[in-house]
Amino acid sequence: MGDHFQMTTESLGLVAGRFKVLAEPLRLRLLQAMERGELSVGRLAEQLGTTQPNVSKHLKILQDAGLVMRRQEGNTAWYSIADPSVYQLCDLVCNSLRDRLAAQAGMFKESPASSRKRR
């Protein structure tokens, strides 16, 4: 969405859909957990402190969005990252947020003059 080209309404809808998928904190936690490699639904539920049905529901949404892939081995479903670029997006957003919060925190730091006035 830069100055390079004008996106169609349909394309913008697809981009918005991707952001909507990533707008759920549990899904971000699932992606974070899988950053180190493939995990089973049970292991993900255990790591995140939630139920297997809840994890499965969110993994299905991530899979439908093309962000994760599923592999079946016997009775166990294994999930891994299908689109590693999601981590670049998360890094971009996290770094921007960190910088913004640091700048805001800097606005509230006491100046030497203001701390002397209160003494």
Protein backbone atom coordinates (compact mmCIF):
# COMPACT_ATOMS: atom_id res chain seq x y z
CA MET A 1 0.00 0.00 0.00
CA GLY A 2 2.65 2.50 -0.90
CA ASP A 3 3.10 4.89 -3.76
CA HIS A 4 4.04 2.07 -6.15
CA PHE A 5 0.59 1.13 -7.37
CA GLN A 6 -3.08 1.67 -6.75
CA MET A 7 -4.77 -1.37 -5.23
CA THR A 8 -8.23 -2.42 -6.34
CA THR A 9 -11.11 -2.60 -3.91
CA GLU A 10 -10.93 -6.39 -4.12
CA SER A 11 -7.21 -6.40 -3.32
CA LEU A 12 -7.73 -4.10 -0.36
CA GLY A 13 -10.43 -6.48 0.85
CA LEU A 14 -7.91 -9.34 0.79
CA VAL A 15 -5.37 -7.27 2.71
CA ALA A 16 -8.01 -6.32 5.28
CA GLY A 17 -8.93 -9.99 5.63
CA ARG A 18 -5.30 -10.88 6.40
CA PHE A 19 -5.14 -8.17 9.06
CA LYS A 20 -8.45 -9.37 10.49
CA VAL A 21 -7.02 -12.88 10.90
CA LEU A 22 -4.03 -11.42 12.75
CA ALA A 23 -6.20 -9.20 14.96
CA GLU A 24 -6.81 -12.01 17.49
CA PRO A 25 -4.19 -12.24 20.29
CA LEU A 26 -4.51 -16.04 20.61
CA ARG A 27 -3.70 -16.44 16.92
CA LEU A 28 -0.60 -14.30 17.36
CA ARG A 29 0.39 -16.46 20.32
CA LEU A 30 -0.07 -19.59 18.17
CA LEU A 31 2.16 -18.13 15.47
CA GLN A 32 4.74 -17.18 18.09
CA ALA A 33 4.71 -20.70 19.53
CA MET A 34 5.23 -22.25 16.08
CA GLU A 35 8.14 -19.97 15.26
CA ARG A 36 10.50 -22.63 16.66
CA GLY A 37 8.94 -25.41 14.60
CA GLU A 38 6.03 -27.77 14.08
CA LEU A 39 3.74 -28.47 17.05
CA SER A 40 0.72 -30.65 17.72
CA VAL A 41 -2.65 -29.22 18.69
CA GLY A 42 -2.29 -30.78 22.14
CA ARG A 43 1.14 -29.26 22.70
CA LEU A 44 -0.07 -25.85 21.53
CA ALA A 45 -3.06 -26.02 23.88
CA GLU A 46 -0.76 -26.99 26.74
CA GLN A 47 1.73 -24.20 26.01
CA LEU A 48 -0.96 -21.54 25.68
CA GLY A 49 -3.11 -22.71 28.58
CA THR A 50 -6.28 -23.18 26.57
CA THR A 51 -8.38 -26.05 25.25
CA GLN A 52 -7.67 -28.20 22.20
CA PRO A 53 -11.01 -27.25 20.56
CA ASN A 54 -10.17 -23.55 20.97
CA VAL A 55 -6.70 -24.05 19.48
CA SER A 56 -8.13 -26.10 16.59
CA LYS A 57 -10.69 -23.40 15.81
CA HIS A 58 -8.02 -20.70 15.58
CA LEU A 59 -5.58 -22.92 13.67
CA LYS A 60 -8.30 -23.55 11.06
CA ILE A 61 -8.67 -19.79 10.56
CA LEU A 62 -4.89 -19.41 10.22
CA GLN A 63 -4.79 -22.35 7.81
CA ASP A 64 -7.62 -20.94 5.67
CA ALA A 65 -5.65 -17.68 5.48
CA GLY A 66 -2.58 -19.58 4.25
CA LEU A 67 -0.48 -18.74 7.29
CA VAL A 68 -0.12 -22.26 8.70
CA MET A 69 -0.15 -25.75 7.24
CA ARG A 70 -1.46 -28.98 8.73
CA ARG A 71 0.04 -32.45 8.62
CA GLN A 72 -1.79 -35.50 9.91
CA GLU A 73 0.15 -38.33 11.53
CA GLY A 74 -2.14 -41.04 12.90
CA ASN A 75 -4.48 -39.34 15.36
CA THR A 76 -2.24 -36.30 15.76
CA ALA A 77 -2.51 -33.10 13.73
CA TRP A 78 0.75 -31.18 13.41
CA TYR A 79 0.87 -27.51 12.48
CA SER A 80 3.68 -25.38 11.16
CA ILE A 81 4.17 -22.00 9.53
CA ALA A 82 3.26 -21.91 5.84
CA ASP A 83 4.05 -18.23 5.27
CA PRO A 84 7.15 -17.09 7.19
CA SER A 85 6.62 -13.51 5.96
CA VAL A 86 4.06 -13.19 8.77
CA TYR A 87 7.03 -12.80 11.14
CA GLN A 88 8.38 -9.89 9.11
CA LEU A 89 5.00 -8.19 9.40
CA CYS A 90 4.87 -8.85 13.15
CA ASP A 91 8.43 -7.51 13.57
CA LEU A 92 7.52 -4.36 11.64
CA VAL A 93 4.44 -3.73 13.77
CA CYS A 94 6.19 -4.60 17.06
CA ASN A 95 9.20 -2.38 16.31
CA SER A 96 6.96 0.52 15.32
CA LEU A 97 4.88 0.08 18.48
CA ARG A 98 8.00 -0.15 20.65
CA ASP A 99 9.36 3.07 19.14
CA ARG A 100 6.05 4.85 19.62
CA LEU A 101 5.75 3.75 23.25
CA ALA A 102 9.37 4.74 23.95
CA ALA A 103 8.69 8.19 22.50
CA GLN A 104 5.55 8.53 24.62
CA ALA A 105 7.43 7.41 27.73
CA GLY A 106 10.07 10.03 26.96
CA MET A 107 7.41 12.74 27.08
CA PHE A 108 6.74 11.89 30.73
CA LYS A 109 10.32 11.86 31.96
CA GLU A 110 11.05 14.52 34.50
CA SER A 111 13.39 17.29 33.53
CA PRO A 112 16.03 18.27 36.12
CA ALA A 113 14.29 21.66 36.56
CA SER A 114 10.89 20.13 37.37
CA SER A 115 12.33 17.72 39.94
CA ARG A 116 14.11 20.60 41.74
CA LYS A 117 10.87 22.58 42.00
CA ARG A 118 9.19 19.86 44.09
CA ARG A 119 11.89 19.69 46.72
